[in-house]
Amino acid sequence: MAGGKKAAVAVLLVVMVVVSLSAVAPAAAAGAPFMVCGVDADRMAADCGSYCRAGSRERAPRRECCDAVRGADFKCLCKYRDELRVMGNIDAARAMQIPSKCRIKGAPKSC
């Protein structure tokens, strides 16, 4: 169970950081993606944002969300843990379900 918790926290972190950064960062120059810990921030916000937003009624993250998260550098994402305190539009419980709902192999269980 502790292992699943680490992956969940890491995914929650990436979702929150990506949603936060994509709201303030301009589009990447020359079409290059804006990357955060191995995740394309724009893709993450587009594919996972609706599932993780407070009040969402989606039953599961979309396949695109799982694909976007699957390549994340979870150790890197754990460094953004403190960013969670400033985000109010993300349902942490839902974001933490992503690793298990997506069956992400090799994701750490906790930060």
PDB file of N, CA and C in Angstrom:
ATOM      1  N   MET A   1       0.826  -1.196   0.000  1.00  0.00           N
ATOM      2  CA  MET A   1       0.000   0.000   0.000  1.00  0.00           C
ATOM      3  C   MET A   1       0.866   1.253   0.000  1.00  0.00           C
ATOM      4  N   ALA A   2       1.974   1.240   0.749  1.00  0.00           N
ATOM      5  CA  ALA A   2       2.843   2.404   0.799  1.00  0.00           C
ATOM      6  C   ALA A   2       3.393   2.734  -0.575  1.00  0.00           C
ATOM      7  N   GLY A   3       3.681   1.728  -1.397  1.00  0.00           N
ATOM      8  CA  GLY A   3       4.197   1.945  -2.737  1.00  0.00           C
ATOM      9  C   GLY A   3       3.192   2.662  -3.613  1.00  0.00           C
ATOM     10  N   GLY A   4       1.939   2.283  -3.513  1.00  0.00           N
ATOM     11  CA  GLY A   4       0.891   2.931  -4.292  1.00  0.00           C
ATOM     12  C   GLY A   4       0.721   4.377  -3.894  1.00  0.00           C
ATOM     13  N   LYS A   5       0.929   4.652  -2.631  1.00  0.00           N
ATOM     14  CA  LYS A   5       0.793   6.023  -2.141  1.00  0.00           C
ATOM     15  C   LYS A   5       1.855   6.925  -2.747  1.00  0.00           C
ATOM     16  N   LYS A   6       3.084   6.438  -2.899  1.00  0.00           N
ATOM     17  CA  LYS A   6       4.160   7.244  -3.473  1.00  0.00           C
ATOM     18  C   LYS A   6       3.846   7.605  -4.920  1.00  0.00           C
ATOM     19  N   ALA A   7       3.372   6.637  -5.685  1.00  0.00           N
ATOM     20  CA  ALA A   7       3.023   6.905  -7.078  1.00  0.00           C
ATOM     21  C   ALA A   7       1.864   7.888  -7.160  1.00  0.00           C
ATOM     22  N   ALA A   8       0.908   7.720  -6.279  1.00  0.00           N
ATOM     23  CA  ALA A   8      -0.252   8.609  -6.278  1.00  0.00           C
ATOM     24  C   ALA A   8       0.158  10.036  -5.963  1.00  0.00           C
ATOM     25  N   VAL A   9       1.012  10.205  -4.991  1.00  0.00           N
ATOM     26  CA  VAL A   9       1.472  11.551  -4.630  1.00  0.00           C
ATOM     27  C   VAL A   9       2.244  12.158  -5.788  1.00  0.00           C
ATOM     28  N   ALA A  10       3.073  11.362  -6.437  1.00  0.00           N
ATOM     29  CA  ALA A  10       3.850  11.873  -7.562  1.00  0.00           C
ATOM     30  C   ALA A  10       2.945  12.316  -8.703  1.00  0.00           C
ATOM     31  N   VAL A  11       1.927  11.525  -9.013  1.00  0.00           N
ATOM     32  CA  VAL A  11       1.002  11.909 -10.091  1.00  0.00           C
ATOM     33  C   VAL A  11       0.226  13.148  -9.696  1.00  0.00           C
ATOM     34  N   LEU A  12      -0.213  13.202  -8.463  1.00  0.00           N
ATOM     35  CA  LEU A  12      -0.913  14.391  -7.990  1.00  0.00           C
ATOM     36  C   LEU A  12      -0.034  15.616  -8.161  1.00  0.00           C
ATOM     37  N   LEU A  13       1.214  15.479  -7.810  1.00  0.00           N
ATOM     38  CA  LEU A  13       2.147  16.587  -7.950  1.00  0.00           C
ATOM     39  C   LEU A  13       2.283  17.036  -9.393  1.00  0.00           C
ATOM     40  N   VAL A  14       2.465  16.087 -10.295  1.00  0.00           N
ATOM     41  CA  VAL A  14       2.638  16.479 -11.695  1.00  0.00           C
ATOM     42  C   VAL A  14       1.387  17.152 -12.227  1.00  0.00           C
ATOM     43  N   VAL A  15       0.230  16.635 -11.887  1.00  0.00           N
ATOM     44  CA  VAL A  15      -1.011  17.247 -12.368  1.00  0.00           C
ATOM     45  C   VAL A  15      -1.126  18.672 -11.858  1.00  0.00           C
ATOM     46  N   MET A  16      -0.871  18.849 -10.588  1.00  0.00           N
ATOM     47  CA  MET A  16      -1.007  20.181 -10.019  1.00  0.00           C
ATOM     48  C   MET A  16       0.041  21.142 -10.559  1.00  0.00           C
ATOM     49  N   VAL A  17       1.262  20.688 -10.657  1.00  0.00           N
ATOM     50  CA  VAL A  17       2.322  21.540 -11.190  1.00  0.00           C
ATOM     51  C   VAL A  17       2.051  21.875 -12.642  1.00  0.00           C
ATOM     52  N   VAL A  18       1.647  20.879 -13.413  1.00  0.00           N
ATOM     53  CA  VAL A  18       1.392  21.099 -14.831  1.00  0.00           C
ATOM     54  C   VAL A  18       0.234  22.049 -15.037  1.00  0.00           C
ATOM     55  N   VAL A  19      -0.848  21.848 -14.298  1.00  0.00           N
ATOM     56  CA  VAL A  19      -1.993  22.749 -14.441  1.00  0.00           C
ATOM     57  C   VAL A  19      -1.580  24.159 -14.048  1.00  0.00           C
ATOM     58  N   SER A  20      -0.808  24.271 -12.980  1.00  0.00           N
ATOM     59  CA  SER A  20      -0.340  25.578 -12.529  1.00  0.00           C
ATOM     60  C   SER A  20       0.579  26.220 -13.560  1.00  0.00           C
ATOM     61  N   LEU A  21       1.573  25.485 -14.015  1.00  0.00           N
ATOM     62  CA  LEU A  21       2.545  26.032 -14.953  1.00  0.00           C
ATOM     63  C   LEU A  21       1.928  26.322 -16.314  1.00  0.00           C
ATOM     64  N   SER A  22       1.017  25.487 -16.757  1.00  0.00           N
ATOM     65  CA  SER A  22       0.429  25.717 -18.071  1.00  0.00           C
ATOM     66  C   SER A  22      -0.462  26.958 -18.067  1.00  0.00           C
ATOM     67  N   ALA A  23      -0.938  27.324 -16.888  1.00  0.00           N
ATOM     68  CA  ALA A  23      -1.766  28.521 -16.799  1.00  0.00           C
ATOM     69  C   ALA A  23      -0.929  29.792 -16.886  1.00  0.00           C
ATOM     70  N   VAL A  24       0.334  29.718 -16.481  1.00  0.00           N
ATOM     71  CA  VAL A  24       1.161  30.921 -16.477  1.00  0.00           C
ATOM     72  C   VAL A  24       2.252  30.922 -17.535  1.00  0.00           C
ATOM     73  N   ALA A  25       2.588  29.771 -18.078  1.00  0.00           N
ATOM     74  CA  ALA A  25       3.673  29.692 -19.058  1.00  0.00           C
ATOM     75  C   ALA A  25       3.140  29.923 -20.463  1.00  0.00           C
ATOM     76  N   PRO A  26       3.838  30.729 -21.255  1.00  0.00           N
ATOM     77  CA  PRO A  26       3.414  30.921 -22.642  1.00  0.00           C
ATOM     78  C   PRO A  26       3.669  29.652 -23.435  1.00  0.00           C
ATOM     79  N   ALA A  27       3.033  29.557 -24.570  1.00  0.00           N
ATOM     80  CA  ALA A  27       3.246  28.390 -25.431  1.00  0.00           C
ATOM     81  C   ALA A  27       4.730  28.261 -25.743  1.00  0.00           C
ATOM     82  N   ALA A  28       5.173  27.050 -25.829  1.00  0.00           N
ATOM     83  CA  ALA A  28       6.603  26.813 -26.073  1.00  0.00           C
ATOM     84  C   ALA A  28       7.008  27.400 -27.414  1.00  0.00           C
ATOM     85  N   ALA A  29       8.184  27.998 -27.423  1.00  0.00           N
ATOM     86  CA  ALA A  29       8.686  28.606 -28.648  1.00  0.00           C
ATOM     87  C   ALA A  29       8.969  27.545 -29.693  1.00  0.00           C
ATOM     88  N   ALA A  30       8.721  27.888 -30.936  1.00  0.00           N
ATOM     89  CA  ALA A  30       9.021  27.024 -32.084  1.00  0.00           C
ATOM     90  C   ALA A  30       8.357  25.663 -31.986  1.00  0.00           C
ATOM     91  N   GLY A  31       7.247  25.563 -31.282  1.00  0.00           N
ATOM     92  CA  GLY A  31       6.491  24.323 -31.243  1.00  0.00           C
ATOM     93  C   GLY A  31       7.047  23.257 -30.316  1.00  0.00           C
ATOM     94  N   ALA A  32       8.128  23.537 -29.602  1.00  0.00           N
ATOM     95  CA  ALA A  32       8.686  22.555 -28.673  1.00  0.00           C
ATOM     96  C   ALA A  32       7.768  22.451 -27.458  1.00  0.00           C
ATOM     97  N   PRO A  33       7.527  21.246 -26.959  1.00  0.00           N
ATOM     98  CA  PRO A  33       6.638  21.102 -25.795  1.00  0.00           C
ATOM     99  C   PRO A  33       7.281  21.649 -24.531  1.00  0.00           C
ATOM    100  N   PHE A  34       6.468  22.121 -23.628  1.00  0.00           N
ATOM    101  CA  PHE A  34       6.912  22.581 -22.313  1.00  0.00           C
ATOM    102  C   PHE A  34       6.944  21.363 -21.409  1.00  0.00           C
ATOM    103  N   MET A  35       8.150  20.908 -21.048  1.00  0.00           N
ATOM    104  CA  MET A  35       8.311  19.661 -20.317  1.00  0.00           C
ATOM    105  C   MET A  35       8.538  19.913 -18.826  1.00  0.00           C
ATOM    106  N   VAL A  36       7.892  19.101 -17.998  1.00  0.00           N
ATOM    107  CA  VAL A  36       8.075  19.108 -16.550  1.00  0.00           C
ATOM    108  C   VAL A  36       8.254  17.652 -16.128  1.00  0.00           C
ATOM    109  N   CYS A  37       9.452  17.321 -15.683  1.00  0.00           N
ATOM    110  CA  CYS A  37       9.743  15.963 -15.194  1.00  0.00           C
ATOM    111  C   CYS A  37       9.360  14.877 -16.199  1.00  0.00           C
ATOM    112  N   GLY A  38       9.676  15.134 -17.444  1.00  0.00           N
ATOM    113  CA  GLY A  38       9.415  14.138 -18.479  1.00  0.00           C
ATOM    114  C   GLY A  38       7.989  14.115 -19.003  1.00  0.00           C
ATOM    115  N   VAL A  39       7.192  15.090 -18.609  1.00  0.00           N
ATOM    116  CA  VAL A  39       5.797  15.148 -19.032  1.00  0.00           C
ATOM    117  C   VAL A  39       5.557  16.450 -19.794  1.00  0.00           C
ATOM    118  N   ASP A  40       4.899  16.352 -20.925  1.00  0.00           N
ATOM    119  CA  ASP A  40       4.503  17.532 -21.691  1.00  0.00           C
ATOM    120  C   ASP A  40       3.391  18.228 -20.902  1.00  0.00           C
ATOM    121  N   ALA A  41       3.677  19.420 -20.389  1.00  0.00           N
ATOM    122  CA  ALA A  41       2.742  20.131 -19.520  1.00  0.00           C
ATOM    123  C   ALA A  41       1.404  20.415 -20.194  1.00  0.00           C
ATOM    124  N   ASP A  42       1.442  20.820 -21.451  1.00  0.00           N
ATOM    125  CA  ASP A  42       0.189  21.114 -22.144  1.00  0.00           C
ATOM    126  C   ASP A  42      -0.643  19.849 -22.335  1.00  0.00           C
ATOM    127  N   ARG A  43       0.037  18.769 -22.666  1.00  0.00           N
ATOM    128  CA  ARG A  43      -0.669  17.490 -22.848  1.00  0.00           C
ATOM    129  C   ARG A  43      -1.285  17.021 -21.533  1.00  0.00           C
ATOM    130  N   MET A  44      -0.513  17.127 -20.448  1.00  0.00           N
ATOM    131  CA  MET A  44      -1.019  16.706 -19.139  1.00  0.00           C
ATOM    132  C   MET A  44      -2.236  17.526 -18.735  1.00  0.00           C
ATOM    133  N   ALA A  45      -2.150  18.836 -18.900  1.00  0.00           N
ATOM    134  CA  ALA A  45      -3.275  19.688 -18.538  1.00  0.00           C
ATOM    135  C   ALA A  45      -4.501  19.344 -19.372  1.00  0.00           C
ATOM    136  N   ALA A  46      -4.300  19.108 -20.650  1.00  0.00           N
ATOM    137  CA  ALA A  46      -5.419  18.792 -21.538  1.00  0.00           C
ATOM    138  C   ALA A  46      -6.007  17.418 -21.256  1.00  0.00           C
ATOM    139  N   ASP A  47      -5.142  16.439 -20.995  1.00  0.00           N
ATOM    140  CA  ASP A  47      -5.605  15.059 -20.888  1.00  0.00           C
ATOM    141  C   ASP A  47      -6.009  14.631 -19.480  1.00  0.00           C
ATOM    142  N   CYS A  48      -5.483  15.275 -18.457  1.00  0.00           N
ATOM    143  CA  CYS A  48      -5.773  14.874 -17.079  1.00  0.00           C
ATOM    144  C   CYS A  48      -6.520  15.928 -16.273  1.00  0.00           C
ATOM    145  N   GLY A  49      -6.491  17.150 -16.740  1.00  0.00           N
ATOM    146  CA  GLY A  49      -7.077  18.240 -15.975  1.00  0.00           C
ATOM    147  C   GLY A  49      -8.540  18.046 -15.626  1.00  0.00           C
ATOM    148  N   SER A  50      -9.345  17.591 -16.557  1.00  0.00           N
ATOM    149  CA  SER A  50     -10.776  17.458 -16.288  1.00  0.00           C
ATOM    150  C   SER A  50     -11.057  16.372 -15.250  1.00  0.00           C
ATOM    151  N   TYR A  51     -10.253  15.321 -15.229  1.00  0.00           N
ATOM    152  CA  TYR A  51     -10.441  14.250 -14.246  1.00  0.00           C
ATOM    153  C   TYR A  51     -10.070  14.726 -12.844  1.00  0.00           C
ATOM    154  N   CYS A  52      -9.054  15.565 -12.742  1.00  0.00           N
ATOM    155  CA  CYS A  52      -8.515  15.978 -11.440  1.00  0.00           C
ATOM    156  C   CYS A  52      -9.143  17.250 -10.885  1.00  0.00           C
ATOM    157  N   ARG A  53      -9.904  17.959 -11.670  1.00  0.00           N
ATOM    158  CA  ARG A  53     -10.485  19.204 -11.169  1.00  0.00           C
ATOM    159  C   ARG A  53     -11.522  18.933 -10.095  1.00  0.00           C
ATOM    160  N   ALA A  54     -11.559  19.811  -9.121  1.00  0.00           N
ATOM    161  CA  ALA A  54     -12.550  19.713  -8.056  1.00  0.00           C
ATOM    162  C   ALA A  54     -13.944  19.689  -8.680  1.00  0.00           C
ATOM    163  N   GLY A  55     -14.771  18.759  -8.234  1.00  0.00           N
ATOM    164  CA  GLY A  55     -16.132  18.641  -8.740  1.00  0.00           C
ATOM    165  C   GLY A  55     -16.286  17.740  -9.947  1.00  0.00           C
ATOM    166  N   SER A  56     -15.206  17.186 -10.454  1.00  0.00           N
ATOM    167  CA  SER A  56     -15.280  16.307 -11.622  1.00  0.00           C
ATOM    168  C   SER A  56     -16.101  15.060 -11.310  1.00  0.00           C
ATOM    169  N   ARG A  57     -16.860  14.610 -12.283  1.00  0.00           N
ATOM    170  CA  ARG A  57     -17.662  13.397 -12.125  1.00  0.00           C
ATOM    171  C   ARG A  57     -17.197  12.280 -13.055  1.00  0.00           C
ATOM    172  N   GLU A  58     -16.057  12.477 -13.690  1.00  0.00           N
ATOM    173  CA  GLU A  58     -15.527  11.438 -14.568  1.00  0.00           C
ATOM    174  C   GLU A  58     -15.202  10.212 -13.724  1.00  0.00           C
ATOM    175  N   ARG A  59     -15.563   9.041 -14.224  1.00  0.00           N
ATOM    176  CA  ARG A  59     -15.360   7.801 -13.457  1.00  0.00           C
ATOM    177  C   ARG A  59     -13.917   7.342 -13.451  1.00  0.00           C
ATOM    178  N   ALA A  60     -13.172   7.667 -14.476  1.00  0.00           N
ATOM    179  CA  ALA A  60     -11.779   7.234 -14.594  1.00  0.00           C
ATOM    180  C   ALA A  60     -11.035   8.214 -15.483  1.00  0.00           C
ATOM    181  N   PRO A  61      -9.717   8.266 -15.324  1.00  0.00           N
ATOM    182  CA  PRO A  61      -8.951   9.119 -16.234  1.00  0.00           C
ATOM    183  C   PRO A  61      -9.013   8.548 -17.646  1.00  0.00           C
ATOM    184  N   ARG A  62      -8.993   9.425 -18.612  1.00  0.00           N
ATOM    185  CA  ARG A  62      -9.012   8.969 -20.003  1.00  0.00           C
ATOM    186  C   ARG A  62      -7.710   8.266 -20.346  1.00  0.00           C
ATOM    187  N   ARG A  63      -7.741   7.447 -21.353  1.00  0.00           N
ATOM    188  CA  ARG A  63      -6.546   6.732 -21.811  1.00  0.00           C
ATOM    189  C   ARG A  63      -5.417   7.709 -22.114  1.00  0.00           C
ATOM    190  N   GLU A  64      -5.766   8.855 -22.691  1.00  0.00           N
ATOM    191  CA  GLU A  64      -4.760   9.866 -23.010  1.00  0.00           C
ATOM    192  C   GLU A  64      -4.055  10.370 -21.754  1.00  0.00           C
ATOM    193  N   CYS A  65      -4.803  10.492 -20.664  1.00  0.00           N
ATOM    194  CA  CYS A  65      -4.213  10.914 -19.396  1.00  0.00           C
ATOM    195  C   CYS A  65      -3.221   9.852 -18.914  1.00  0.00           C
ATOM    196  N   CYS A  66      -3.639   8.618 -18.950  1.00  0.00           N
ATOM    197  CA  CYS A  66      -2.743   7.527 -18.524  1.00  0.00           C
ATOM    198  C   CYS A  66      -1.477   7.508 -19.368  1.00  0.00           C
ATOM    199  N   ASP A  67      -1.636   7.690 -20.674  1.00  0.00           N
ATOM    200  CA  ASP A  67      -0.468   7.697 -21.556  1.00  0.00           C
ATOM    201  C   ASP A  67       0.462   8.861 -21.234  1.00  0.00           C
ATOM    202  N   ALA A  68      -0.114  10.012 -20.910  1.00  0.00           N
ATOM    203  CA  ALA A  68       0.693  11.195 -20.597  1.00  0.00           C
ATOM    204  C   ALA A  68       1.476  11.005 -19.300  1.00  0.00           C
ATOM    205  N   VAL A  69       0.891  10.361 -18.330  1.00  0.00           N
ATOM    206  CA  VAL A  69       1.512  10.171 -17.020  1.00  0.00           C
ATOM    207  C   VAL A  69       2.526   9.030 -17.038  1.00  0.00           C
ATOM    208  N   ARG A  70       2.289   8.064 -17.875  1.00  0.00           N
ATOM    209  CA  ARG A  70       3.111   6.848 -17.893  1.00  0.00           C
ATOM    210  C   ARG A  70       4.610   7.136 -18.031  1.00  0.00           C
ATOM    211  N   GLY A  71       4.992   8.148 -18.753  1.00  0.00           N
ATOM    212  CA  GLY A  71       6.405   8.444 -18.962  1.00  0.00           C
ATOM    213  C   GLY A  71       7.007   9.421 -17.972  1.00  0.00           C
ATOM    214  N   ALA A  72       6.296   9.743 -16.914  1.00  0.00           N
ATOM    215  CA  ALA A  72       6.761  10.738 -15.952  1.00  0.00           C
ATOM    216  C   ALA A  72       7.966  10.257 -15.161  1.00  0.00           C
ATOM    217  N   ASP A  73       8.816  11.198 -14.793  1.00  0.00           N
ATOM    218  CA  ASP A  73       9.923  10.951 -13.884  1.00  0.00           C
ATOM    219  C   ASP A  73       9.372  11.239 -12.486  1.00  0.00           C
ATOM    220  N   PHE A  74       8.906  10.198 -11.821  1.00  0.00           N
ATOM    221  CA  PHE A  74       8.224  10.373 -10.547  1.00  0.00           C
ATOM    222  C   PHE A  74       9.127  10.924  -9.447  1.00  0.00           C
ATOM    223  N   LYS A  75      10.406  10.570  -9.457  1.00  0.00           N
ATOM    224  CA  LYS A  75      11.327  11.123  -8.455  1.00  0.00           C
ATOM    225  C   LYS A  75      11.439  12.632  -8.623  1.00  0.00           C
ATOM    226  N   CYS A  76      11.476  13.084  -9.852  1.00  0.00           N
ATOM    227  CA  CYS A  76      11.511  14.517 -10.136  1.00  0.00           C
ATOM    228  C   CYS A  76      10.229  15.184  -9.644  1.00  0.00           C
ATOM    229  N   LEU A  77       9.106  14.559  -9.904  1.00  0.00           N
ATOM    230  CA  LEU A  77       7.817  15.133  -9.520  1.00  0.00           C
ATOM    231  C   LEU A  77       7.680  15.294  -8.015  1.00  0.00           C
ATOM    232  N   CYS A  78       8.276  14.384  -7.281  1.00  0.00           N
ATOM    233  CA  CYS A  78       8.198  14.455  -5.822  1.00  0.00           C
ATOM    234  C   CYS A  78       8.836  15.741  -5.295  1.00  0.00           C
ATOM    235  N   LYS A  79       9.740  16.320  -6.043  1.00  0.00           N
ATOM    236  CA  LYS A  79      10.381  17.569  -5.623  1.00  0.00           C
ATOM    237  C   LYS A  79       9.393  18.728  -5.577  1.00  0.00           C
ATOM    238  N   TYR A  80       8.251  18.576  -6.238  1.00  0.00           N
ATOM    239  CA  TYR A  80       7.248  19.639  -6.300  1.00  0.00           C
ATOM    240  C   TYR A  80       6.157  19.474  -5.242  1.00  0.00           C
ATOM    241  N   ARG A  81       6.385  18.651  -4.263  1.00  0.00           N
ATOM    242  CA  ARG A  81       5.382  18.341  -3.245  1.00  0.00           C
ATOM    243  C   ARG A  81       4.807  19.597  -2.588  1.00  0.00           C
ATOM    244  N   ASP A  82       5.646  20.562  -2.286  1.00  0.00           N
ATOM    245  CA  ASP A  82       5.176  21.765  -1.595  1.00  0.00           C
ATOM    246  C   ASP A  82       4.218  22.602  -2.443  1.00  0.00           C
ATOM    247  N   GLU A  83       4.227  22.410  -3.732  1.00  0.00           N
ATOM    248  CA  GLU A  83       3.325  23.162  -4.605  1.00  0.00           C
ATOM    249  C   GLU A  83       1.865  22.799  -4.356  1.00  0.00           C
ATOM    250  N   LEU A  84       1.607  21.650  -3.759  1.00  0.00           N
ATOM    251  CA  LEU A  84       0.239  21.212  -3.509  1.00  0.00           C
ATOM    252  C   LEU A  84      -0.515  22.174  -2.606  1.00  0.00           C
ATOM    253  N   ARG A  85       0.195  22.818  -1.716  1.00  0.00           N
ATOM    254  CA  ARG A  85      -0.458  23.699  -0.749  1.00  0.00           C
ATOM    255  C   ARG A  85      -1.084  24.946  -1.381  1.00  0.00           C
ATOM    256  N   VAL A  86      -0.626  25.330  -2.555  1.00  0.00           N
ATOM    257  CA  VAL A  86      -1.130  26.557  -3.161  1.00  0.00           C
ATOM    258  C   VAL A  86      -2.217  26.309  -4.207  1.00  0.00           C
ATOM    259  N   MET A  87      -2.489  25.055  -4.491  1.00  0.00           N
ATOM    260  CA  MET A  87      -3.484  24.741  -5.512  1.00  0.00           C
ATOM    261  C   MET A  87      -4.832  24.469  -4.866  1.00  0.00           C
ATOM    262  N   GLY A  88      -5.871  25.116  -5.353  1.00  0.00           N
ATOM    263  CA  GLY A  88      -7.193  24.907  -4.788  1.00  0.00           C
ATOM    264  C   GLY A  88      -8.184  24.300  -5.753  1.00  0.00           C
ATOM    265  N   ASN A  89      -7.840  24.234  -7.030  1.00  0.00           N
ATOM    266  CA  ASN A  89      -8.791  23.756  -8.028  1.00  0.00           C
ATOM    267  C   ASN A  89      -8.599  22.289  -8.384  1.00  0.00           C
ATOM    268  N   ILE A  90      -7.723  21.579  -7.663  1.00  0.00           N
ATOM    269  CA  ILE A  90      -7.444  20.183  -7.936  1.00  0.00           C
ATOM    270  C   ILE A  90      -7.980  19.337  -6.792  1.00  0.00           C
ATOM    271  N   ASP A  91      -8.689  18.259  -7.137  1.00  0.00           N
ATOM    272  CA  ASP A  91      -9.157  17.299  -6.152  1.00  0.00           C
ATOM    273  C   ASP A  91      -8.029  16.298  -5.940  1.00  0.00           C
ATOM    274  N   ALA A  92      -7.320  16.449  -4.836  1.00  0.00           N
ATOM    275  CA  ALA A  92      -6.145  15.620  -4.572  1.00  0.00           C
ATOM    276  C   ALA A  92      -6.481  14.136  -4.560  1.00  0.00           C
ATOM    277  N   ALA A  93      -7.595  13.770  -4.004  1.00  0.00           N
ATOM    278  CA  ALA A  93      -7.974  12.359  -3.931  1.00  0.00           C
ATOM    279  C   ALA A  93      -8.120  11.761  -5.326  1.00  0.00           C
ATOM    280  N   ARG A  94      -8.719  12.503  -6.234  1.00  0.00           N
ATOM    281  CA  ARG A  94      -8.901  12.008  -7.601  1.00  0.00           C
ATOM    282  C   ARG A  94      -7.556  11.908  -8.314  1.00  0.00           C
ATOM    283  N   ALA A  95      -6.726  12.917  -8.157  1.00  0.00           N
ATOM    284  CA  ALA A  95      -5.421  12.883  -8.812  1.00  0.00           C
ATOM    285  C   ALA A  95      -4.590  11.710  -8.303  1.00  0.00           C
ATOM    286  N   MET A  96      -4.724  11.406  -7.023  1.00  0.00           N
ATOM    287  CA  MET A  96      -3.957  10.308  -6.443  1.00  0.00           C
ATOM    288  C   MET A  96      -4.427   8.940  -6.922  1.00  0.00           C
ATOM    289  N   GLN A  97      -5.578   8.873  -7.544  1.00  0.00           N
ATOM    290  CA  GLN A  97      -6.088   7.606  -8.078  1.00  0.00           C
ATOM    291  C   GLN A  97      -5.481   7.259  -9.432  1.00  0.00           C
ATOM    292  N   ILE A  98      -4.862   8.226 -10.083  1.00  0.00           N
ATOM    293  CA  ILE A  98      -4.396   8.015 -11.448  1.00  0.00           C
ATOM    294  C   ILE A  98      -3.450   6.825 -11.590  1.00  0.00           C
ATOM    295  N   PRO A  99      -2.394   6.687 -10.777  1.00  0.00           N
ATOM    296  CA  PRO A  99      -1.490   5.543 -10.986  1.00  0.00           C
ATOM    297  C   PRO A  99      -2.201   4.196 -10.905  1.00  0.00           C
ATOM    298  N   SER A 100      -3.076   4.027  -9.918  1.00  0.00           N
ATOM    299  CA  SER A 100      -3.754   2.739  -9.794  1.00  0.00           C
ATOM    300  C   SER A 100      -4.793   2.545 -10.889  1.00  0.00           C
ATOM    301  N   LYS A 101      -5.535   3.590 -11.209  1.00  0.00           N
ATOM    302  CA  LYS A 101      -6.544   3.454 -12.260  1.00  0.00           C
ATOM    303  C   LYS A 101      -5.908   3.229 -13.623  1.00  0.00           C
ATOM    304  N   CYS A 102      -4.715   3.771 -13.821  1.00  0.00           N
ATOM    305  CA  CYS A 102      -4.005   3.602 -15.089  1.00  0.00           C
ATOM    306  C   CYS A 102      -3.086   2.372 -15.079  1.00  0.00           C
ATOM    307  N   ARG A 103      -2.950   1.748 -13.923  1.00  0.00           N
ATOM    308  CA  ARG A 103      -2.080   0.565 -13.776  1.00  0.00           C
ATOM    309  C   ARG A 103      -0.662   0.850 -14.273  1.00  0.00           C
ATOM    310  N   ILE A 104      -0.086   1.920 -13.757  1.00  0.00           N
ATOM    311  CA  ILE A 104       1.244   2.329 -14.164  1.00  0.00           C
ATOM    312  C   ILE A 104       2.285   1.464 -13.456  1.00  0.00           C
ATOM    313  N   LYS A 105       2.973   0.650 -14.214  1.00  0.00           N
ATOM    314  CA  LYS A 105       3.990  -0.237 -13.654  1.00  0.00           C
ATOM    315  C   LYS A 105       5.272   0.555 -13.381  1.00  0.00           C
ATOM    316  N   GLY A 106       5.896   0.246 -12.265  1.00  0.00           N
ATOM    317  CA  GLY A 106       7.160   0.879 -11.927  1.00  0.00           C
ATOM    318  C   GLY A 106       7.039   2.243 -11.278  1.00  0.00           C
ATOM    319  N   ALA A 107       5.832   2.744 -11.122  1.00  0.00           N
ATOM    320  CA  ALA A 107       5.666   4.043 -10.464  1.00  0.00           C
ATOM    321  C   ALA A 107       5.963   3.857  -8.984  1.00  0.00           C
ATOM    322  N   PRO A 108       6.703   4.777  -8.371  1.00  0.00           N
ATOM    323  CA  PRO A 108       7.013   4.633  -6.944  1.00  0.00           C
ATOM    324  C   PRO A 108       5.752   4.699  -6.115  1.00  0.00           C
ATOM    325  N   LYS A 109       5.816   4.103  -4.956  1.00  0.00           N
ATOM    326  CA  LYS A 109       4.638   4.021  -4.089  1.00  0.00           C
ATOM    327  C   LYS A 109       4.450   5.256  -3.213  1.00  0.00           C
ATOM    328  N   SER A 110       5.521   5.999  -2.937  1.00  0.00           N
ATOM    329  CA  SER A 110       5.418   7.218  -2.141  1.00  0.00           C
ATOM    330  C   SER A 110       6.623   8.118  -2.427  1.00  0.00           C
ATOM    331  N   CYS A 111       6.466   9.381  -2.085  1.00  0.00           N
ATOM    332  CA  CYS A 111       7.555  10.349  -2.288  1.00  0.00           C
ATOM    333  C   CYS A 111       8.463  10.358  -1.088  1.00  0.00           C
TER     334      CYS A 111
END
